[in-house]
Amino acid sequence: MPLCGLPFYFINHSKQIIIMKKYFMMAAAMLFAASCSNDSELTNVVENNAEQATAPVRVHVNDFSVSMTEIPGGGTTRAAQDVIDYTDVKAVDLAFYEGSTEVYKHTQLRSDNTTYTTFGEFECNLPVGNYTLVVVGRGYSDGDVFVLSSPTSAAYTTERARETFCTTQDVTVTNVAPLELSVTLSRVIARLNILSTDVHSASVTRIRTTYGAGGKSFNPTTGLATVNTGFAVTNTGFWEQDGTLHVSNYTFLASDEHTMTITLEALDADENVLSTKVIPNVPLKRNRVTTLSGQIFTAGTSAASFKVEADWLEGNTVNF
């Protein structure tokens, strides 16, 4: 065999190797592309499943009622009422928390029908998981600011607390099937009625009530106050036709029952103090009404002349 044939053989062999490499690279590229396509399809499936793994959760009023017995000082007895009829609950807050993370929150205002379809009924979608449901029913007036931060923290950050019902409940969403929830709210705040037995003078325009303990913030899980430093509330224009005073305020307590000092101050239009009455050892209890009555505006009268009535009402519940 002539030597000139050797280079030809190797050249052809090299071409075969190059061709084989090209085929190998093309096959690898096709496999890689197929792999990427499969990964993309798998990712889409996972994402779609994640989106689909939510369930509609409905929380609705179920015989929302409040049973009230007579309150000293002109109260009335009311039969159980439906949520639509019990107008003292003017706002309902509902929230779901996953641990400390807020997943959903909505507030319905009775006076604003854009915030609800049916007052007291809620619907949302939640992913599969474990949650804490918090529901607060409360009084409301323009200018009030109420902040629900967690299952253990809520507060009225403006001047006064309002009548408040609340509850918390553990909720587990296990699949995408609709979940219907029914909860019971309990009144967790104490009420103080103040009645004067004397007539106010023309210079008295308002009355300031200072609580020696309790507060305007509370734990929705326990219903107890989260601060116990007390606060002041000023009322105006709550005069009876005979010139006497009749006002009501609310406070959260750090324990189910608490005895504290109540200070009453009669103020003029410039908020100068015209008279002061300090009433020690006033008993207050959650979901109960305590009434103070006595001479508030008469100079020289002693706080010891005040009559204290602790009216232990039957427990009131609100069913959601």
C-alpha atoms as a PDB file:
ATOM      1  CA  MET A   1       0.000   0.000   0.000  1.00  0.00           C
ATOM      2  CA  PRO A   2       1.506   3.350  -0.987  1.00  0.00           C
ATOM      3  CA  LEU A   3       2.343   5.699   1.819  1.00  0.00           C
ATOM      4  CA  CYS A   4       0.199   8.392   0.238  1.00  0.00           C
ATOM      5  CA  GLY A   5      -2.920   6.437   1.239  1.00  0.00           C
ATOM      6  CA  LEU A   6      -2.276   6.839   4.972  1.00  0.00           C
ATOM      7  CA  PRO A   7      -3.025  10.538   5.187  1.00  0.00           C
ATOM      8  CA  PHE A   8      -6.259   9.967   3.284  1.00  0.00           C
ATOM      9  CA  TYR A   9      -7.413   7.318   5.803  1.00  0.00           C
ATOM     10  CA  PHE A  10      -6.759   9.503   8.753  1.00  0.00           C
ATOM     11  CA  ILE A  11      -8.386  12.460   7.108  1.00  0.00           C
ATOM     12  CA  ASN A  12     -11.541  10.418   6.468  1.00  0.00           C
ATOM     13  CA  HIS A  13     -11.420   9.054  10.001  1.00  0.00           C
ATOM     14  CA  SER A  14     -11.151  12.551  11.361  1.00  0.00           C
ATOM     15  CA  LYS A  15     -14.187  13.578   9.327  1.00  0.00           C
ATOM     16  CA  GLN A  16     -16.112  10.639  10.787  1.00  0.00           C
ATOM     17  CA  ILE A  17     -15.146  11.704  14.285  1.00  0.00           C
ATOM     18  CA  ILE A  18     -16.214  15.277  13.572  1.00  0.00           C
ATOM     19  CA  ILE A  19     -19.515  14.083  12.111  1.00  0.00           C
ATOM     20  CA  MET A  20     -20.120  11.829  15.134  1.00  0.00           C
ATOM     21  CA  LYS A  21     -19.407  14.743  17.485  1.00  0.00           C
ATOM     22  CA  LYS A  22     -21.890  16.894  15.585  1.00  0.00           C
ATOM     23  CA  TYR A  23     -24.580  14.196  15.858  1.00  0.00           C
ATOM     24  CA  PHE A  24     -23.792  13.796  19.589  1.00  0.00           C
ATOM     25  CA  MET A  25     -24.038  17.535  20.214  1.00  0.00           C
ATOM     26  CA  MET A  26     -27.307  17.747  18.276  1.00  0.00           C
ATOM     27  CA  ALA A  27     -28.765  14.832  20.247  1.00  0.00           C
ATOM     28  CA  ALA A  28     -27.657  16.395  23.539  1.00  0.00           C
ATOM     29  CA  ALA A  29     -29.190  19.715  22.552  1.00  0.00           C
ATOM     30  CA  MET A  30     -32.479  17.989  21.711  1.00  0.00           C
ATOM     31  CA  LEU A  31     -32.471  16.157  25.047  1.00  0.00           C
ATOM     32  CA  PHE A  32     -31.713  19.401  26.888  1.00  0.00           C
ATOM     33  CA  ALA A  33     -34.537  21.199  25.066  1.00  0.00           C
ATOM     34  CA  ALA A  34     -36.942  18.386  25.880  1.00  0.00           C
ATOM     35  CA  SER A  35     -35.820  18.505  29.489  1.00  0.00           C
ATOM     36  CA  CYS A  36     -36.411  22.267  29.658  1.00  0.00           C
ATOM     37  CA  SER A  37     -39.836  21.826  28.084  1.00  0.00           C
ATOM     38  CA  ASN A  38     -40.758  19.158  30.634  1.00  0.00           C
ATOM     39  CA  ASP A  39     -39.479  21.308  33.490  1.00  0.00           C
ATOM     40  CA  SER A  40     -41.565  24.206  32.230  1.00  0.00           C
ATOM     41  CA  GLU A  41     -44.666  22.052  31.997  1.00  0.00           C
ATOM     42  CA  LEU A  42     -44.023  20.676  35.484  1.00  0.00           C
ATOM     43  CA  THR A  43     -43.603  24.160  36.887  1.00  0.00           C
ATOM     44  CA  ASN A  44     -46.864  25.271  35.311  1.00  0.00           C
ATOM     45  CA  VAL A  45     -48.671  22.305  36.807  1.00  0.00           C
ATOM     46  CA  VAL A  46     -47.310  23.044  40.270  1.00  0.00           C
ATOM     47  CA  GLU A  47     -48.236  26.698  39.998  1.00  0.00           C
ATOM     48  CA  ASN A  48     -51.713  25.856  38.743  1.00  0.00           C
ATOM     49  CA  ASN A  49     -52.185  23.390  41.581  1.00  0.00           C
ATOM     50  CA  ALA A  50     -51.047  26.029  44.073  1.00  0.00           C
ATOM     51  CA  GLU A  51     -53.559  28.466  42.685  1.00  0.00           C
ATOM     52  CA  GLN A  52     -56.307  25.869  42.777  1.00  0.00           C
ATOM     53  CA  ALA A  53     -55.526  24.804  46.374  1.00  0.00           C
ATOM     54  CA  THR A  54     -57.735  27.465  47.907  1.00  0.00           C
ATOM     55  CA  ALA A  55     -61.142  27.058  49.445  1.00  0.00           C
ATOM     56  CA  PRO A  56     -64.024  29.522  49.751  1.00  0.00           C
ATOM     57  CA  VAL A  57     -64.576  30.232  53.451  1.00  0.00           C
ATOM     58  CA  ARG A  58     -67.889  31.705  54.553  1.00  0.00           C
ATOM     59  CA  VAL A  59     -68.491  33.219  57.976  1.00  0.00           C
ATOM     60  CA  HIS A  60     -72.068  34.305  58.437  1.00  0.00           C
ATOM     61  CA  VAL A  61     -74.529  35.457  61.048  1.00  0.00           C
ATOM     62  CA  ASN A  62     -76.432  32.587  62.568  1.00  0.00           C
ATOM     63  CA  ASP A  63     -79.068  33.866  65.009  1.00  0.00           C
ATOM     64  CA  PHE A  64     -76.999  36.925  65.979  1.00  0.00           C
ATOM     65  CA  SER A  65     -78.842  37.941  69.122  1.00  0.00           C
ATOM     66  CA  VAL A  66     -78.335  39.922  72.294  1.00  0.00           C
ATOM     67  CA  SER A  67     -80.444  39.294  75.366  1.00  0.00           C
ATOM     68  CA  MET A  68     -80.673  42.285  77.691  1.00  0.00           C
ATOM     69  CA  THR A  69     -82.264  42.592  81.114  1.00  0.00           C
ATOM     70  CA  GLU A  70     -83.290  45.845  82.741  1.00  0.00           C
ATOM     71  CA  ILE A  71     -80.489  48.358  83.358  1.00  0.00           C
ATOM     72  CA  PRO A  72     -80.882  50.682  86.381  1.00  0.00           C
ATOM     73  CA  GLY A  73     -81.606  54.297  85.511  1.00  0.00           C
ATOM     74  CA  GLY A  74     -84.154  53.838  82.769  1.00  0.00           C
ATOM     75  CA  GLY A  75     -82.997  50.799  80.856  1.00  0.00           C
ATOM     76  CA  THR A  76     -85.442  48.496  79.120  1.00  0.00           C
ATOM     77  CA  THR A  77     -85.792  44.798  78.690  1.00  0.00           C
ATOM     78  CA  ARG A  78     -85.270  43.541  75.144  1.00  0.00           C
ATOM     79  CA  ALA A  79     -85.934  40.159  73.668  1.00  0.00           C
ATOM     80  CA  ALA A  80     -83.272  38.419  71.614  1.00  0.00           C
ATOM     81  CA  GLN A  81     -82.680  40.329  68.424  1.00  0.00           C
ATOM     82  CA  ASP A  82     -81.322  39.546  64.999  1.00  0.00           C
ATOM     83  CA  VAL A  83     -78.086  41.278  63.956  1.00  0.00           C
ATOM     84  CA  ILE A  84     -79.979  43.522  61.558  1.00  0.00           C
ATOM     85  CA  ASP A  85     -82.175  44.740  64.418  1.00  0.00           C
ATOM     86  CA  TYR A  86     -79.460  45.026  67.083  1.00  0.00           C
ATOM     87  CA  THR A  87     -78.257  48.431  65.966  1.00  0.00           C
ATOM     88  CA  ASP A  88     -75.759  48.897  68.821  1.00  0.00           C
ATOM     89  CA  VAL A  89     -73.374  46.687  66.827  1.00  0.00           C
ATOM     90  CA  LYS A  90     -72.418  49.142  64.099  1.00  0.00           C
ATOM     91  CA  ALA A  91     -69.211  47.501  62.845  1.00  0.00           C
ATOM     92  CA  VAL A  92     -67.925  43.956  62.451  1.00  0.00           C
ATOM     93  CA  ASP A  93     -64.245  43.162  61.902  1.00  0.00           C
ATOM     94  CA  LEU A  94     -63.133  39.754  60.647  1.00  0.00           C
ATOM     95  CA  ALA A  95     -59.551  38.580  60.133  1.00  0.00           C
ATOM     96  CA  PHE A  96     -57.640  35.344  59.512  1.00  0.00           C
ATOM     97  CA  TYR A  97     -54.091  34.965  60.818  1.00  0.00           C
ATOM     98  CA  GLU A  98     -51.523  32.311  59.968  1.00  0.00           C
ATOM     99  CA  GLY A  99     -49.360  32.496  63.042  1.00  0.00           C
ATOM    100  CA  SER A 100     -48.606  36.196  63.369  1.00  0.00           C
ATOM    101  CA  THR A 101     -49.175  36.872  59.663  1.00  0.00           C
ATOM    102  CA  GLU A 102     -52.427  38.522  58.621  1.00  0.00           C
ATOM    103  CA  VAL A 103     -53.879  36.615  55.668  1.00  0.00           C
ATOM    104  CA  TYR A 104     -57.250  38.345  55.314  1.00  0.00           C
ATOM    105  CA  LYS A 105     -59.077  41.215  57.012  1.00  0.00           C
ATOM    106  CA  HIS A 106     -62.300  43.053  56.306  1.00  0.00           C
ATOM    107  CA  THR A 107     -64.467  45.524  58.205  1.00  0.00           C
ATOM    108  CA  GLN A 108     -68.182  45.967  57.640  1.00  0.00           C
ATOM    109  CA  LEU A 109     -69.823  49.229  58.696  1.00  0.00           C
ATOM    110  CA  ARG A 110     -73.565  49.088  59.137  1.00  0.00           C
ATOM    111  CA  SER A 111     -73.863  52.658  57.847  1.00  0.00           C
ATOM    112  CA  ASP A 112     -71.880  51.900  54.670  1.00  0.00           C
ATOM    113  CA  ASN A 113     -73.567  49.247  52.531  1.00  0.00           C
ATOM    114  CA  THR A 114     -70.622  49.227  50.121  1.00  0.00           C
ATOM    115  CA  THR A 115     -68.714  47.243  52.777  1.00  0.00           C
ATOM    116  CA  TYR A 116     -71.078  44.259  52.726  1.00  0.00           C
ATOM    117  CA  THR A 117     -73.754  42.413  50.811  1.00  0.00           C
ATOM    118  CA  THR A 118     -75.491  41.208  53.975  1.00  0.00           C
ATOM    119  CA  PHE A 119     -74.330  42.802  57.213  1.00  0.00           C
ATOM    120  CA  GLY A 120     -72.535  40.208  59.327  1.00  0.00           C
ATOM    121  CA  GLU A 121     -71.830  37.759  56.490  1.00  0.00           C
ATOM    122  CA  PHE A 122     -68.311  37.349  55.074  1.00  0.00           C
ATOM    123  CA  GLU A 123     -66.757  35.293  52.294  1.00  0.00           C
ATOM    124  CA  CYS A 124     -63.128  34.941  51.237  1.00  0.00           C
ATOM    125  CA  ASN A 125     -60.738  32.382  49.725  1.00  0.00           C
ATOM    126  CA  LEU A 126     -57.955  30.846  51.798  1.00  0.00           C
ATOM    127  CA  PRO A 127     -55.163  28.445  50.805  1.00  0.00           C
ATOM    128  CA  VAL A 128     -55.029  25.044  52.498  1.00  0.00           C
ATOM    129  CA  GLY A 129     -53.552  25.574  55.958  1.00  0.00           C
ATOM    130  CA  ASN A 130     -54.163  26.362  59.622  1.00  0.00           C
ATOM    131  CA  TYR A 131     -55.489  29.756  60.722  1.00  0.00           C
ATOM    132  CA  THR A 132     -56.821  31.717  63.673  1.00  0.00           C
ATOM    133  CA  LEU A 133     -60.128  33.456  62.996  1.00  0.00           C
ATOM    134  CA  VAL A 134     -60.810  36.701  64.895  1.00  0.00           C
ATOM    135  CA  VAL A 135     -64.225  38.369  64.849  1.00  0.00           C
ATOM    136  CA  VAL A 136     -65.045  41.622  66.651  1.00  0.00           C
ATOM    137  CA  GLY A 137     -68.503  43.211  66.792  1.00  0.00           C
ATOM    138  CA  ARG A 138     -68.522  46.758  68.164  1.00  0.00           C
ATOM    139  CA  GLY A 139     -70.164  50.113  68.431  1.00  0.00           C
ATOM    140  CA  TYR A 140     -68.950  52.793  66.069  1.00  0.00           C
ATOM    141  CA  SER A 141     -69.204  56.544  65.610  1.00  0.00           C
ATOM    142  CA  ASP A 142     -67.648  58.819  62.978  1.00  0.00           C
ATOM    143  CA  GLY A 143     -64.040  59.514  63.903  1.00  0.00           C
ATOM    144  CA  ASP A 144     -63.506  56.286  65.825  1.00  0.00           C
ATOM    145  CA  VAL A 145     -60.284  54.443  65.060  1.00  0.00           C
ATOM    146  CA  PHE A 146     -60.153  50.748  65.893  1.00  0.00           C
ATOM    147  CA  VAL A 147     -57.051  48.671  65.156  1.00  0.00           C
ATOM    148  CA  LEU A 148     -57.069  44.862  65.060  1.00  0.00           C
ATOM    149  CA  SER A 149     -53.434  43.718  64.919  1.00  0.00           C
ATOM    150  CA  SER A 150     -53.447  40.029  65.862  1.00  0.00           C
ATOM    151  CA  PRO A 151     -55.424  37.376  67.771  1.00  0.00           C
ATOM    152  CA  THR A 152     -53.966  38.885  70.959  1.00  0.00           C
ATOM    153  CA  SER A 153     -53.967  42.614  70.215  1.00  0.00           C
ATOM    154  CA  ALA A 154     -56.726  45.110  69.396  1.00  0.00           C
ATOM    155  CA  ALA A 155     -57.307  48.696  70.472  1.00  0.00           C
ATOM    156  CA  TYR A 156     -59.482  51.772  70.241  1.00  0.00           C
ATOM    157  CA  THR A 157     -56.880  54.449  69.565  1.00  0.00           C
ATOM    158  CA  THR A 158     -59.251  57.411  69.702  1.00  0.00           C
ATOM    159  CA  GLU A 159     -60.815  58.852  72.865  1.00  0.00           C
ATOM    160  CA  ARG A 160     -63.287  56.176  73.889  1.00  0.00           C
ATOM    161  CA  ALA A 161     -63.906  52.449  73.817  1.00  0.00           C
ATOM    162  CA  ARG A 162     -67.233  51.142  72.539  1.00  0.00           C
ATOM    163  CA  GLU A 163     -69.455  48.221  73.388  1.00  0.00           C
ATOM    164  CA  THR A 164     -67.435  45.245  72.169  1.00  0.00           C
ATOM    165  CA  PHE A 165     -68.103  41.589  71.417  1.00  0.00           C
ATOM    166  CA  CYS A 166     -65.374  39.248  70.194  1.00  0.00           C
ATOM    167  CA  THR A 167     -64.106  35.704  69.779  1.00  0.00           C
ATOM    168  CA  THR A 168     -61.204  33.768  68.270  1.00  0.00           C
ATOM    169  CA  GLN A 169     -61.316  30.296  66.748  1.00  0.00           C
ATOM    170  CA  ASP A 170     -58.830  27.869  65.198  1.00  0.00           C
ATOM    171  CA  VAL A 171     -59.706  27.077  61.580  1.00  0.00           C
ATOM    172  CA  THR A 172     -58.210  24.375  59.352  1.00  0.00           C
ATOM    173  CA  VAL A 173     -58.672  24.442  55.575  1.00  0.00           C
ATOM    174  CA  THR A 174     -57.922  20.893  54.416  1.00  0.00           C
ATOM    175  CA  ASN A 175     -59.065  20.937  50.793  1.00  0.00           C
ATOM    176  CA  VAL A 176     -60.723  23.109  48.197  1.00  0.00           C
ATOM    177  CA  ALA A 177     -64.260  22.290  49.352  1.00  0.00           C
ATOM    178  CA  PRO A 178     -66.284  25.287  50.644  1.00  0.00           C
ATOM    179  CA  LEU A 179     -65.992  25.791  54.411  1.00  0.00           C
ATOM    180  CA  GLU A 180     -68.895  27.150  56.442  1.00  0.00           C
ATOM    181  CA  LEU A 181     -68.082  28.631  59.862  1.00  0.00           C
ATOM    182  CA  SER A 182     -70.311  29.642  62.749  1.00  0.00           C
ATOM    183  CA  VAL A 183     -68.888  31.431  65.785  1.00  0.00           C
ATOM    184  CA  THR A 184     -70.263  32.899  68.995  1.00  0.00           C
ATOM    185  CA  LEU A 185     -69.267  36.370  70.130  1.00  0.00           C
ATOM    186  CA  SER A 186     -69.276  37.377  73.795  1.00  0.00           C
ATOM    187  CA  ARG A 187     -69.381  40.868  75.257  1.00  0.00           C
ATOM    188  CA  VAL A 188     -65.957  41.464  76.806  1.00  0.00           C
ATOM    189  CA  ILE A 189     -66.229  45.037  78.055  1.00  0.00           C
ATOM    190  CA  ALA A 190     -67.563  46.628  81.250  1.00  0.00           C
ATOM    191  CA  ARG A 191     -70.052  49.494  81.207  1.00  0.00           C
ATOM    192  CA  LEU A 192     -70.276  52.418  83.627  1.00  0.00           C
ATOM    193  CA  ASN A 193     -73.502  54.452  83.945  1.00  0.00           C
ATOM    194  CA  ILE A 194     -73.273  57.860  85.633  1.00  0.00           C
ATOM    195  CA  LEU A 195     -76.415  59.539  86.939  1.00  0.00           C
ATOM    196  CA  SER A 196     -76.548  62.884  88.714  1.00  0.00           C
ATOM    197  CA  THR A 197     -79.189  63.472  91.342  1.00  0.00           C
ATOM    198  CA  ASP A 198     -78.650  67.229  91.150  1.00  0.00           C
ATOM    199  CA  VAL A 199     -79.145  69.691  88.298  1.00  0.00           C
ATOM    200  CA  HIS A 200     -76.169  71.120  86.459  1.00  0.00           C
ATOM    201  CA  SER A 201     -75.609  74.847  86.287  1.00  0.00           C
ATOM    202  CA  ALA A 202     -75.565  76.743  83.002  1.00  0.00           C
ATOM    203  CA  SER A 203     -71.774  76.984  83.130  1.00  0.00           C
ATOM    204  CA  VAL A 204     -71.328  73.197  83.055  1.00  0.00           C
ATOM    205  CA  THR A 205     -71.075  71.970  79.469  1.00  0.00           C
ATOM    206  CA  ARG A 206     -69.439  68.558  79.835  1.00  0.00           C
ATOM    207  CA  ILE A 207     -68.394  65.849  82.253  1.00  0.00           C
ATOM    208  CA  ARG A 208     -65.015  64.109  82.302  1.00  0.00           C
ATOM    209  CA  THR A 209     -64.784  60.560  83.625  1.00  0.00           C
ATOM    210  CA  THR A 210     -61.363  59.184  84.561  1.00  0.00           C
ATOM    211  CA  TYR A 211     -60.910  55.455  85.143  1.00  0.00           C
ATOM    212  CA  GLY A 212     -58.201  54.615  87.671  1.00  0.00           C
ATOM    213  CA  ALA A 213     -57.443  51.311  85.908  1.00  0.00           C
ATOM    214  CA  GLY A 214     -58.392  49.322  82.811  1.00  0.00           C
ATOM    215  CA  GLY A 215     -57.862  50.563  79.272  1.00  0.00           C
ATOM    216  CA  LYS A 216     -59.007  50.861  75.669  1.00  0.00           C
ATOM    217  CA  SER A 217     -56.904  47.996  74.266  1.00  0.00           C
ATOM    218  CA  PHE A 218     -57.601  44.299  74.728  1.00  0.00           C
ATOM    219  CA  ASN A 219     -56.663  40.746  73.833  1.00  0.00           C
ATOM    220  CA  PRO A 220     -59.368  39.287  71.529  1.00  0.00           C
ATOM    221  CA  THR A 221     -58.476  35.742  72.649  1.00  0.00           C
ATOM    222  CA  THR A 222     -58.980  36.408  76.373  1.00  0.00           C
ATOM    223  CA  GLY A 223     -61.140  39.534  76.226  1.00  0.00           C
ATOM    224  CA  LEU A 224     -58.929  41.155  78.888  1.00  0.00           C
ATOM    225  CA  ALA A 225     -57.284  44.574  78.786  1.00  0.00           C
ATOM    226  CA  THR A 226     -53.685  44.657  77.608  1.00  0.00           C
ATOM    227  CA  VAL A 227     -52.987  47.843  79.606  1.00  0.00           C
ATOM    228  CA  ASN A 228     -54.188  48.704  83.103  1.00  0.00           C
ATOM    229  CA  THR A 229     -53.283  52.369  83.440  1.00  0.00           C
ATOM    230  CA  GLY A 230     -56.755  53.874  83.051  1.00  0.00           C
ATOM    231  CA  PHE A 231     -57.884  56.728  80.764  1.00  0.00           C
ATOM    232  CA  ALA A 232     -60.260  59.690  80.608  1.00  0.00           C
ATOM    233  CA  VAL A 233     -63.425  60.236  78.558  1.00  0.00           C
ATOM    234  CA  THR A 234     -65.285  63.527  78.121  1.00  0.00           C
ATOM    235  CA  ASN A 235     -69.018  63.565  77.405  1.00  0.00           C
ATOM    236  CA  THR A 236     -71.055  66.537  76.215  1.00  0.00           C
ATOM    237  CA  GLY A 237     -74.769  67.167  75.845  1.00  0.00           C
ATOM    238  CA  PHE A 238     -76.041  64.115  77.723  1.00  0.00           C
ATOM    239  CA  TRP A 239     -78.594  65.975  79.813  1.00  0.00           C
ATOM    240  CA  GLU A 240     -82.031  64.811  80.800  1.00  0.00           C
ATOM    241  CA  GLN A 241     -85.021  67.155  80.440  1.00  0.00           C
ATOM    242  CA  ASP A 242     -84.914  67.913  84.164  1.00  0.00           C
ATOM    243  CA  GLY A 243     -81.268  69.059  83.936  1.00  0.00           C
ATOM    244  CA  THR A 244     -79.704  65.968  85.447  1.00  0.00           C
ATOM    245  CA  LEU A 245     -76.874  64.038  83.811  1.00  0.00           C
ATOM    246  CA  HIS A 246     -77.025  60.503  82.390  1.00  0.00           C
ATOM    247  CA  VAL A 247     -73.967  59.170  80.511  1.00  0.00           C
ATOM    248  CA  SER A 248     -72.487  55.744  79.816  1.00  0.00           C
ATOM    249  CA  ASN A 249     -68.893  54.770  79.017  1.00  0.00           C
ATOM    250  CA  TYR A 250     -66.991  51.520  78.553  1.00  0.00           C
ATOM    251  CA  THR A 251     -63.662  50.104  79.671  1.00  0.00           C
ATOM    252  CA  PHE A 252     -61.751  46.861  79.255  1.00  0.00           C
ATOM    253  CA  LEU A 253     -60.580  45.236  82.484  1.00  0.00           C
ATOM    254  CA  ALA A 254     -57.308  43.434  83.192  1.00  0.00           C
ATOM    255  CA  SER A 255     -59.255  40.747  85.073  1.00  0.00           C
ATOM    256  CA  ASP A 256     -62.830  39.558  85.010  1.00  0.00           C
ATOM    257  CA  GLU A 257     -63.665  41.823  87.973  1.00  0.00           C
ATOM    258  CA  HIS A 258     -61.818  44.930  89.084  1.00  0.00           C
ATOM    259  CA  THR A 259     -62.354  47.550  91.765  1.00  0.00           C
ATOM    260  CA  MET A 260     -61.017  50.991  90.903  1.00  0.00           C
ATOM    261  CA  THR A 261     -61.285  54.707  91.619  1.00  0.00           C
ATOM    262  CA  ILE A 262     -63.543  56.772  89.366  1.00  0.00           C
ATOM    263  CA  THR A 263     -63.042  60.537  89.132  1.00  0.00           C
ATOM    264  CA  LEU A 264     -65.840  62.782  87.845  1.00  0.00           C
ATOM    265  CA  GLU A 265     -65.115  66.380  86.835  1.00  0.00           C
ATOM    266  CA  ALA A 266     -67.656  68.994  85.746  1.00  0.00           C
ATOM    267  CA  LEU A 267     -66.127  71.250  83.079  1.00  0.00           C
ATOM    268  CA  ASP A 268     -67.062  74.556  81.491  1.00  0.00           C
ATOM    269  CA  ALA A 269     -66.773  75.401  77.789  1.00  0.00           C
ATOM    270  CA  ASP A 270     -63.036  76.123  78.176  1.00  0.00           C
ATOM    271  CA  GLU A 271     -62.523  72.812  80.017  1.00  0.00           C
ATOM    272  CA  ASN A 272     -61.906  74.505  83.354  1.00  0.00           C
ATOM    273  CA  VAL A 273     -62.774  72.188  86.256  1.00  0.00           C
ATOM    274  CA  LEU A 274     -65.803  73.482  88.178  1.00  0.00           C
ATOM    275  CA  SER A 275     -66.231  70.545  90.542  1.00  0.00           C
ATOM    276  CA  THR A 276     -64.572  67.198  91.209  1.00  0.00           C
ATOM    277  CA  LYS A 277     -65.865  64.022  92.785  1.00  0.00           C
ATOM    278  CA  VAL A 278     -63.557  61.076  93.487  1.00  0.00           C
ATOM    279  CA  ILE A 279     -65.361  57.787  94.145  1.00  0.00           C
ATOM    280  CA  PRO A 280     -63.084  55.005  95.413  1.00  0.00           C
ATOM    281  CA  ASN A 281     -63.662  51.247  95.322  1.00  0.00           C
ATOM    282  CA  VAL A 282     -66.068  51.168  92.381  1.00  0.00           C
ATOM    283  CA  PRO A 283     -66.670  47.536  91.327  1.00  0.00           C
ATOM    284  CA  LEU A 284     -66.646  46.789  87.588  1.00  0.00           C
ATOM    285  CA  LYS A 285     -67.071  43.474  85.843  1.00  0.00           C
ATOM    286  CA  ARG A 286     -66.854  42.337  82.235  1.00  0.00           C
ATOM    287  CA  ASN A 287     -70.213  42.097  80.462  1.00  0.00           C
ATOM    288  CA  ARG A 288     -71.846  43.923  83.357  1.00  0.00           C
ATOM    289  CA  VAL A 289     -73.125  47.421  84.156  1.00  0.00           C
ATOM    290  CA  THR A 290     -72.158  49.448  87.228  1.00  0.00           C
ATOM    291  CA  THR A 291     -74.165  52.598  87.940  1.00  0.00           C
ATOM    292  CA  LEU A 292     -72.939  55.610  89.917  1.00  0.00           C
ATOM    293  CA  SER A 293     -75.542  58.089  91.116  1.00  0.00           C
ATOM    294  CA  GLY A 294     -75.163  61.136  93.326  1.00  0.00           C
ATOM    295  CA  GLN A 295     -74.653  64.888  93.445  1.00  0.00           C
ATOM    296  CA  ILE A 296     -72.015  65.818  90.903  1.00  0.00           C
ATOM    297  CA  PHE A 297     -72.533  69.569  90.520  1.00  0.00           C
ATOM    298  CA  THR A 298     -73.384  70.624  94.081  1.00  0.00           C
ATOM    299  CA  ALA A 299     -70.420  72.215  95.859  1.00  0.00           C
ATOM    300  CA  GLY A 300     -69.383  70.794  99.212  1.00  0.00           C
ATOM    301  CA  THR A 301     -70.982  67.371  98.783  1.00  0.00           C
ATOM    302  CA  SER A 302     -68.828  64.383  99.603  1.00  0.00           C
ATOM    303  CA  ALA A 303     -68.075  61.551  97.219  1.00  0.00           C
ATOM    304  CA  ALA A 304     -69.175  59.248 100.006  1.00  0.00           C
ATOM    305  CA  SER A 305     -72.742  60.272  99.232  1.00  0.00           C
ATOM    306  CA  PHE A 306     -72.575  58.447  95.879  1.00  0.00           C
ATOM    307  CA  LYS A 307     -74.618  55.314  95.555  1.00  0.00           C
ATOM    308  CA  VAL A 308     -72.954  52.454  93.708  1.00  0.00           C
ATOM    309  CA  GLU A 309     -75.082  49.797  92.051  1.00  0.00           C
ATOM    310  CA  ALA A 310     -73.396  46.822  90.453  1.00  0.00           C
ATOM    311  CA  ASP A 311     -76.009  45.339  88.166  1.00  0.00           C
ATOM    312  CA  TRP A 312     -74.753  41.854  87.277  1.00  0.00           C
ATOM    313  CA  LEU A 313     -76.622  41.285  84.042  1.00  0.00           C
ATOM    314  CA  GLU A 314     -77.106  37.857  82.567  1.00  0.00           C
ATOM    315  CA  GLY A 315     -74.379  36.958  80.102  1.00  0.00           C
ATOM    316  CA  ASN A 316     -74.990  38.345  76.635  1.00  0.00           C
ATOM    317  CA  THR A 317     -73.851  36.404  73.587  1.00  0.00           C
ATOM    318  CA  VAL A 318     -73.823  37.157  69.895  1.00  0.00           C
ATOM    319  CA  ASN A 319     -74.010  34.165  67.584  1.00  0.00           C
ATOM    320  CA  PHE A 320     -72.292  34.273  64.196  1.00  0.00           C
END
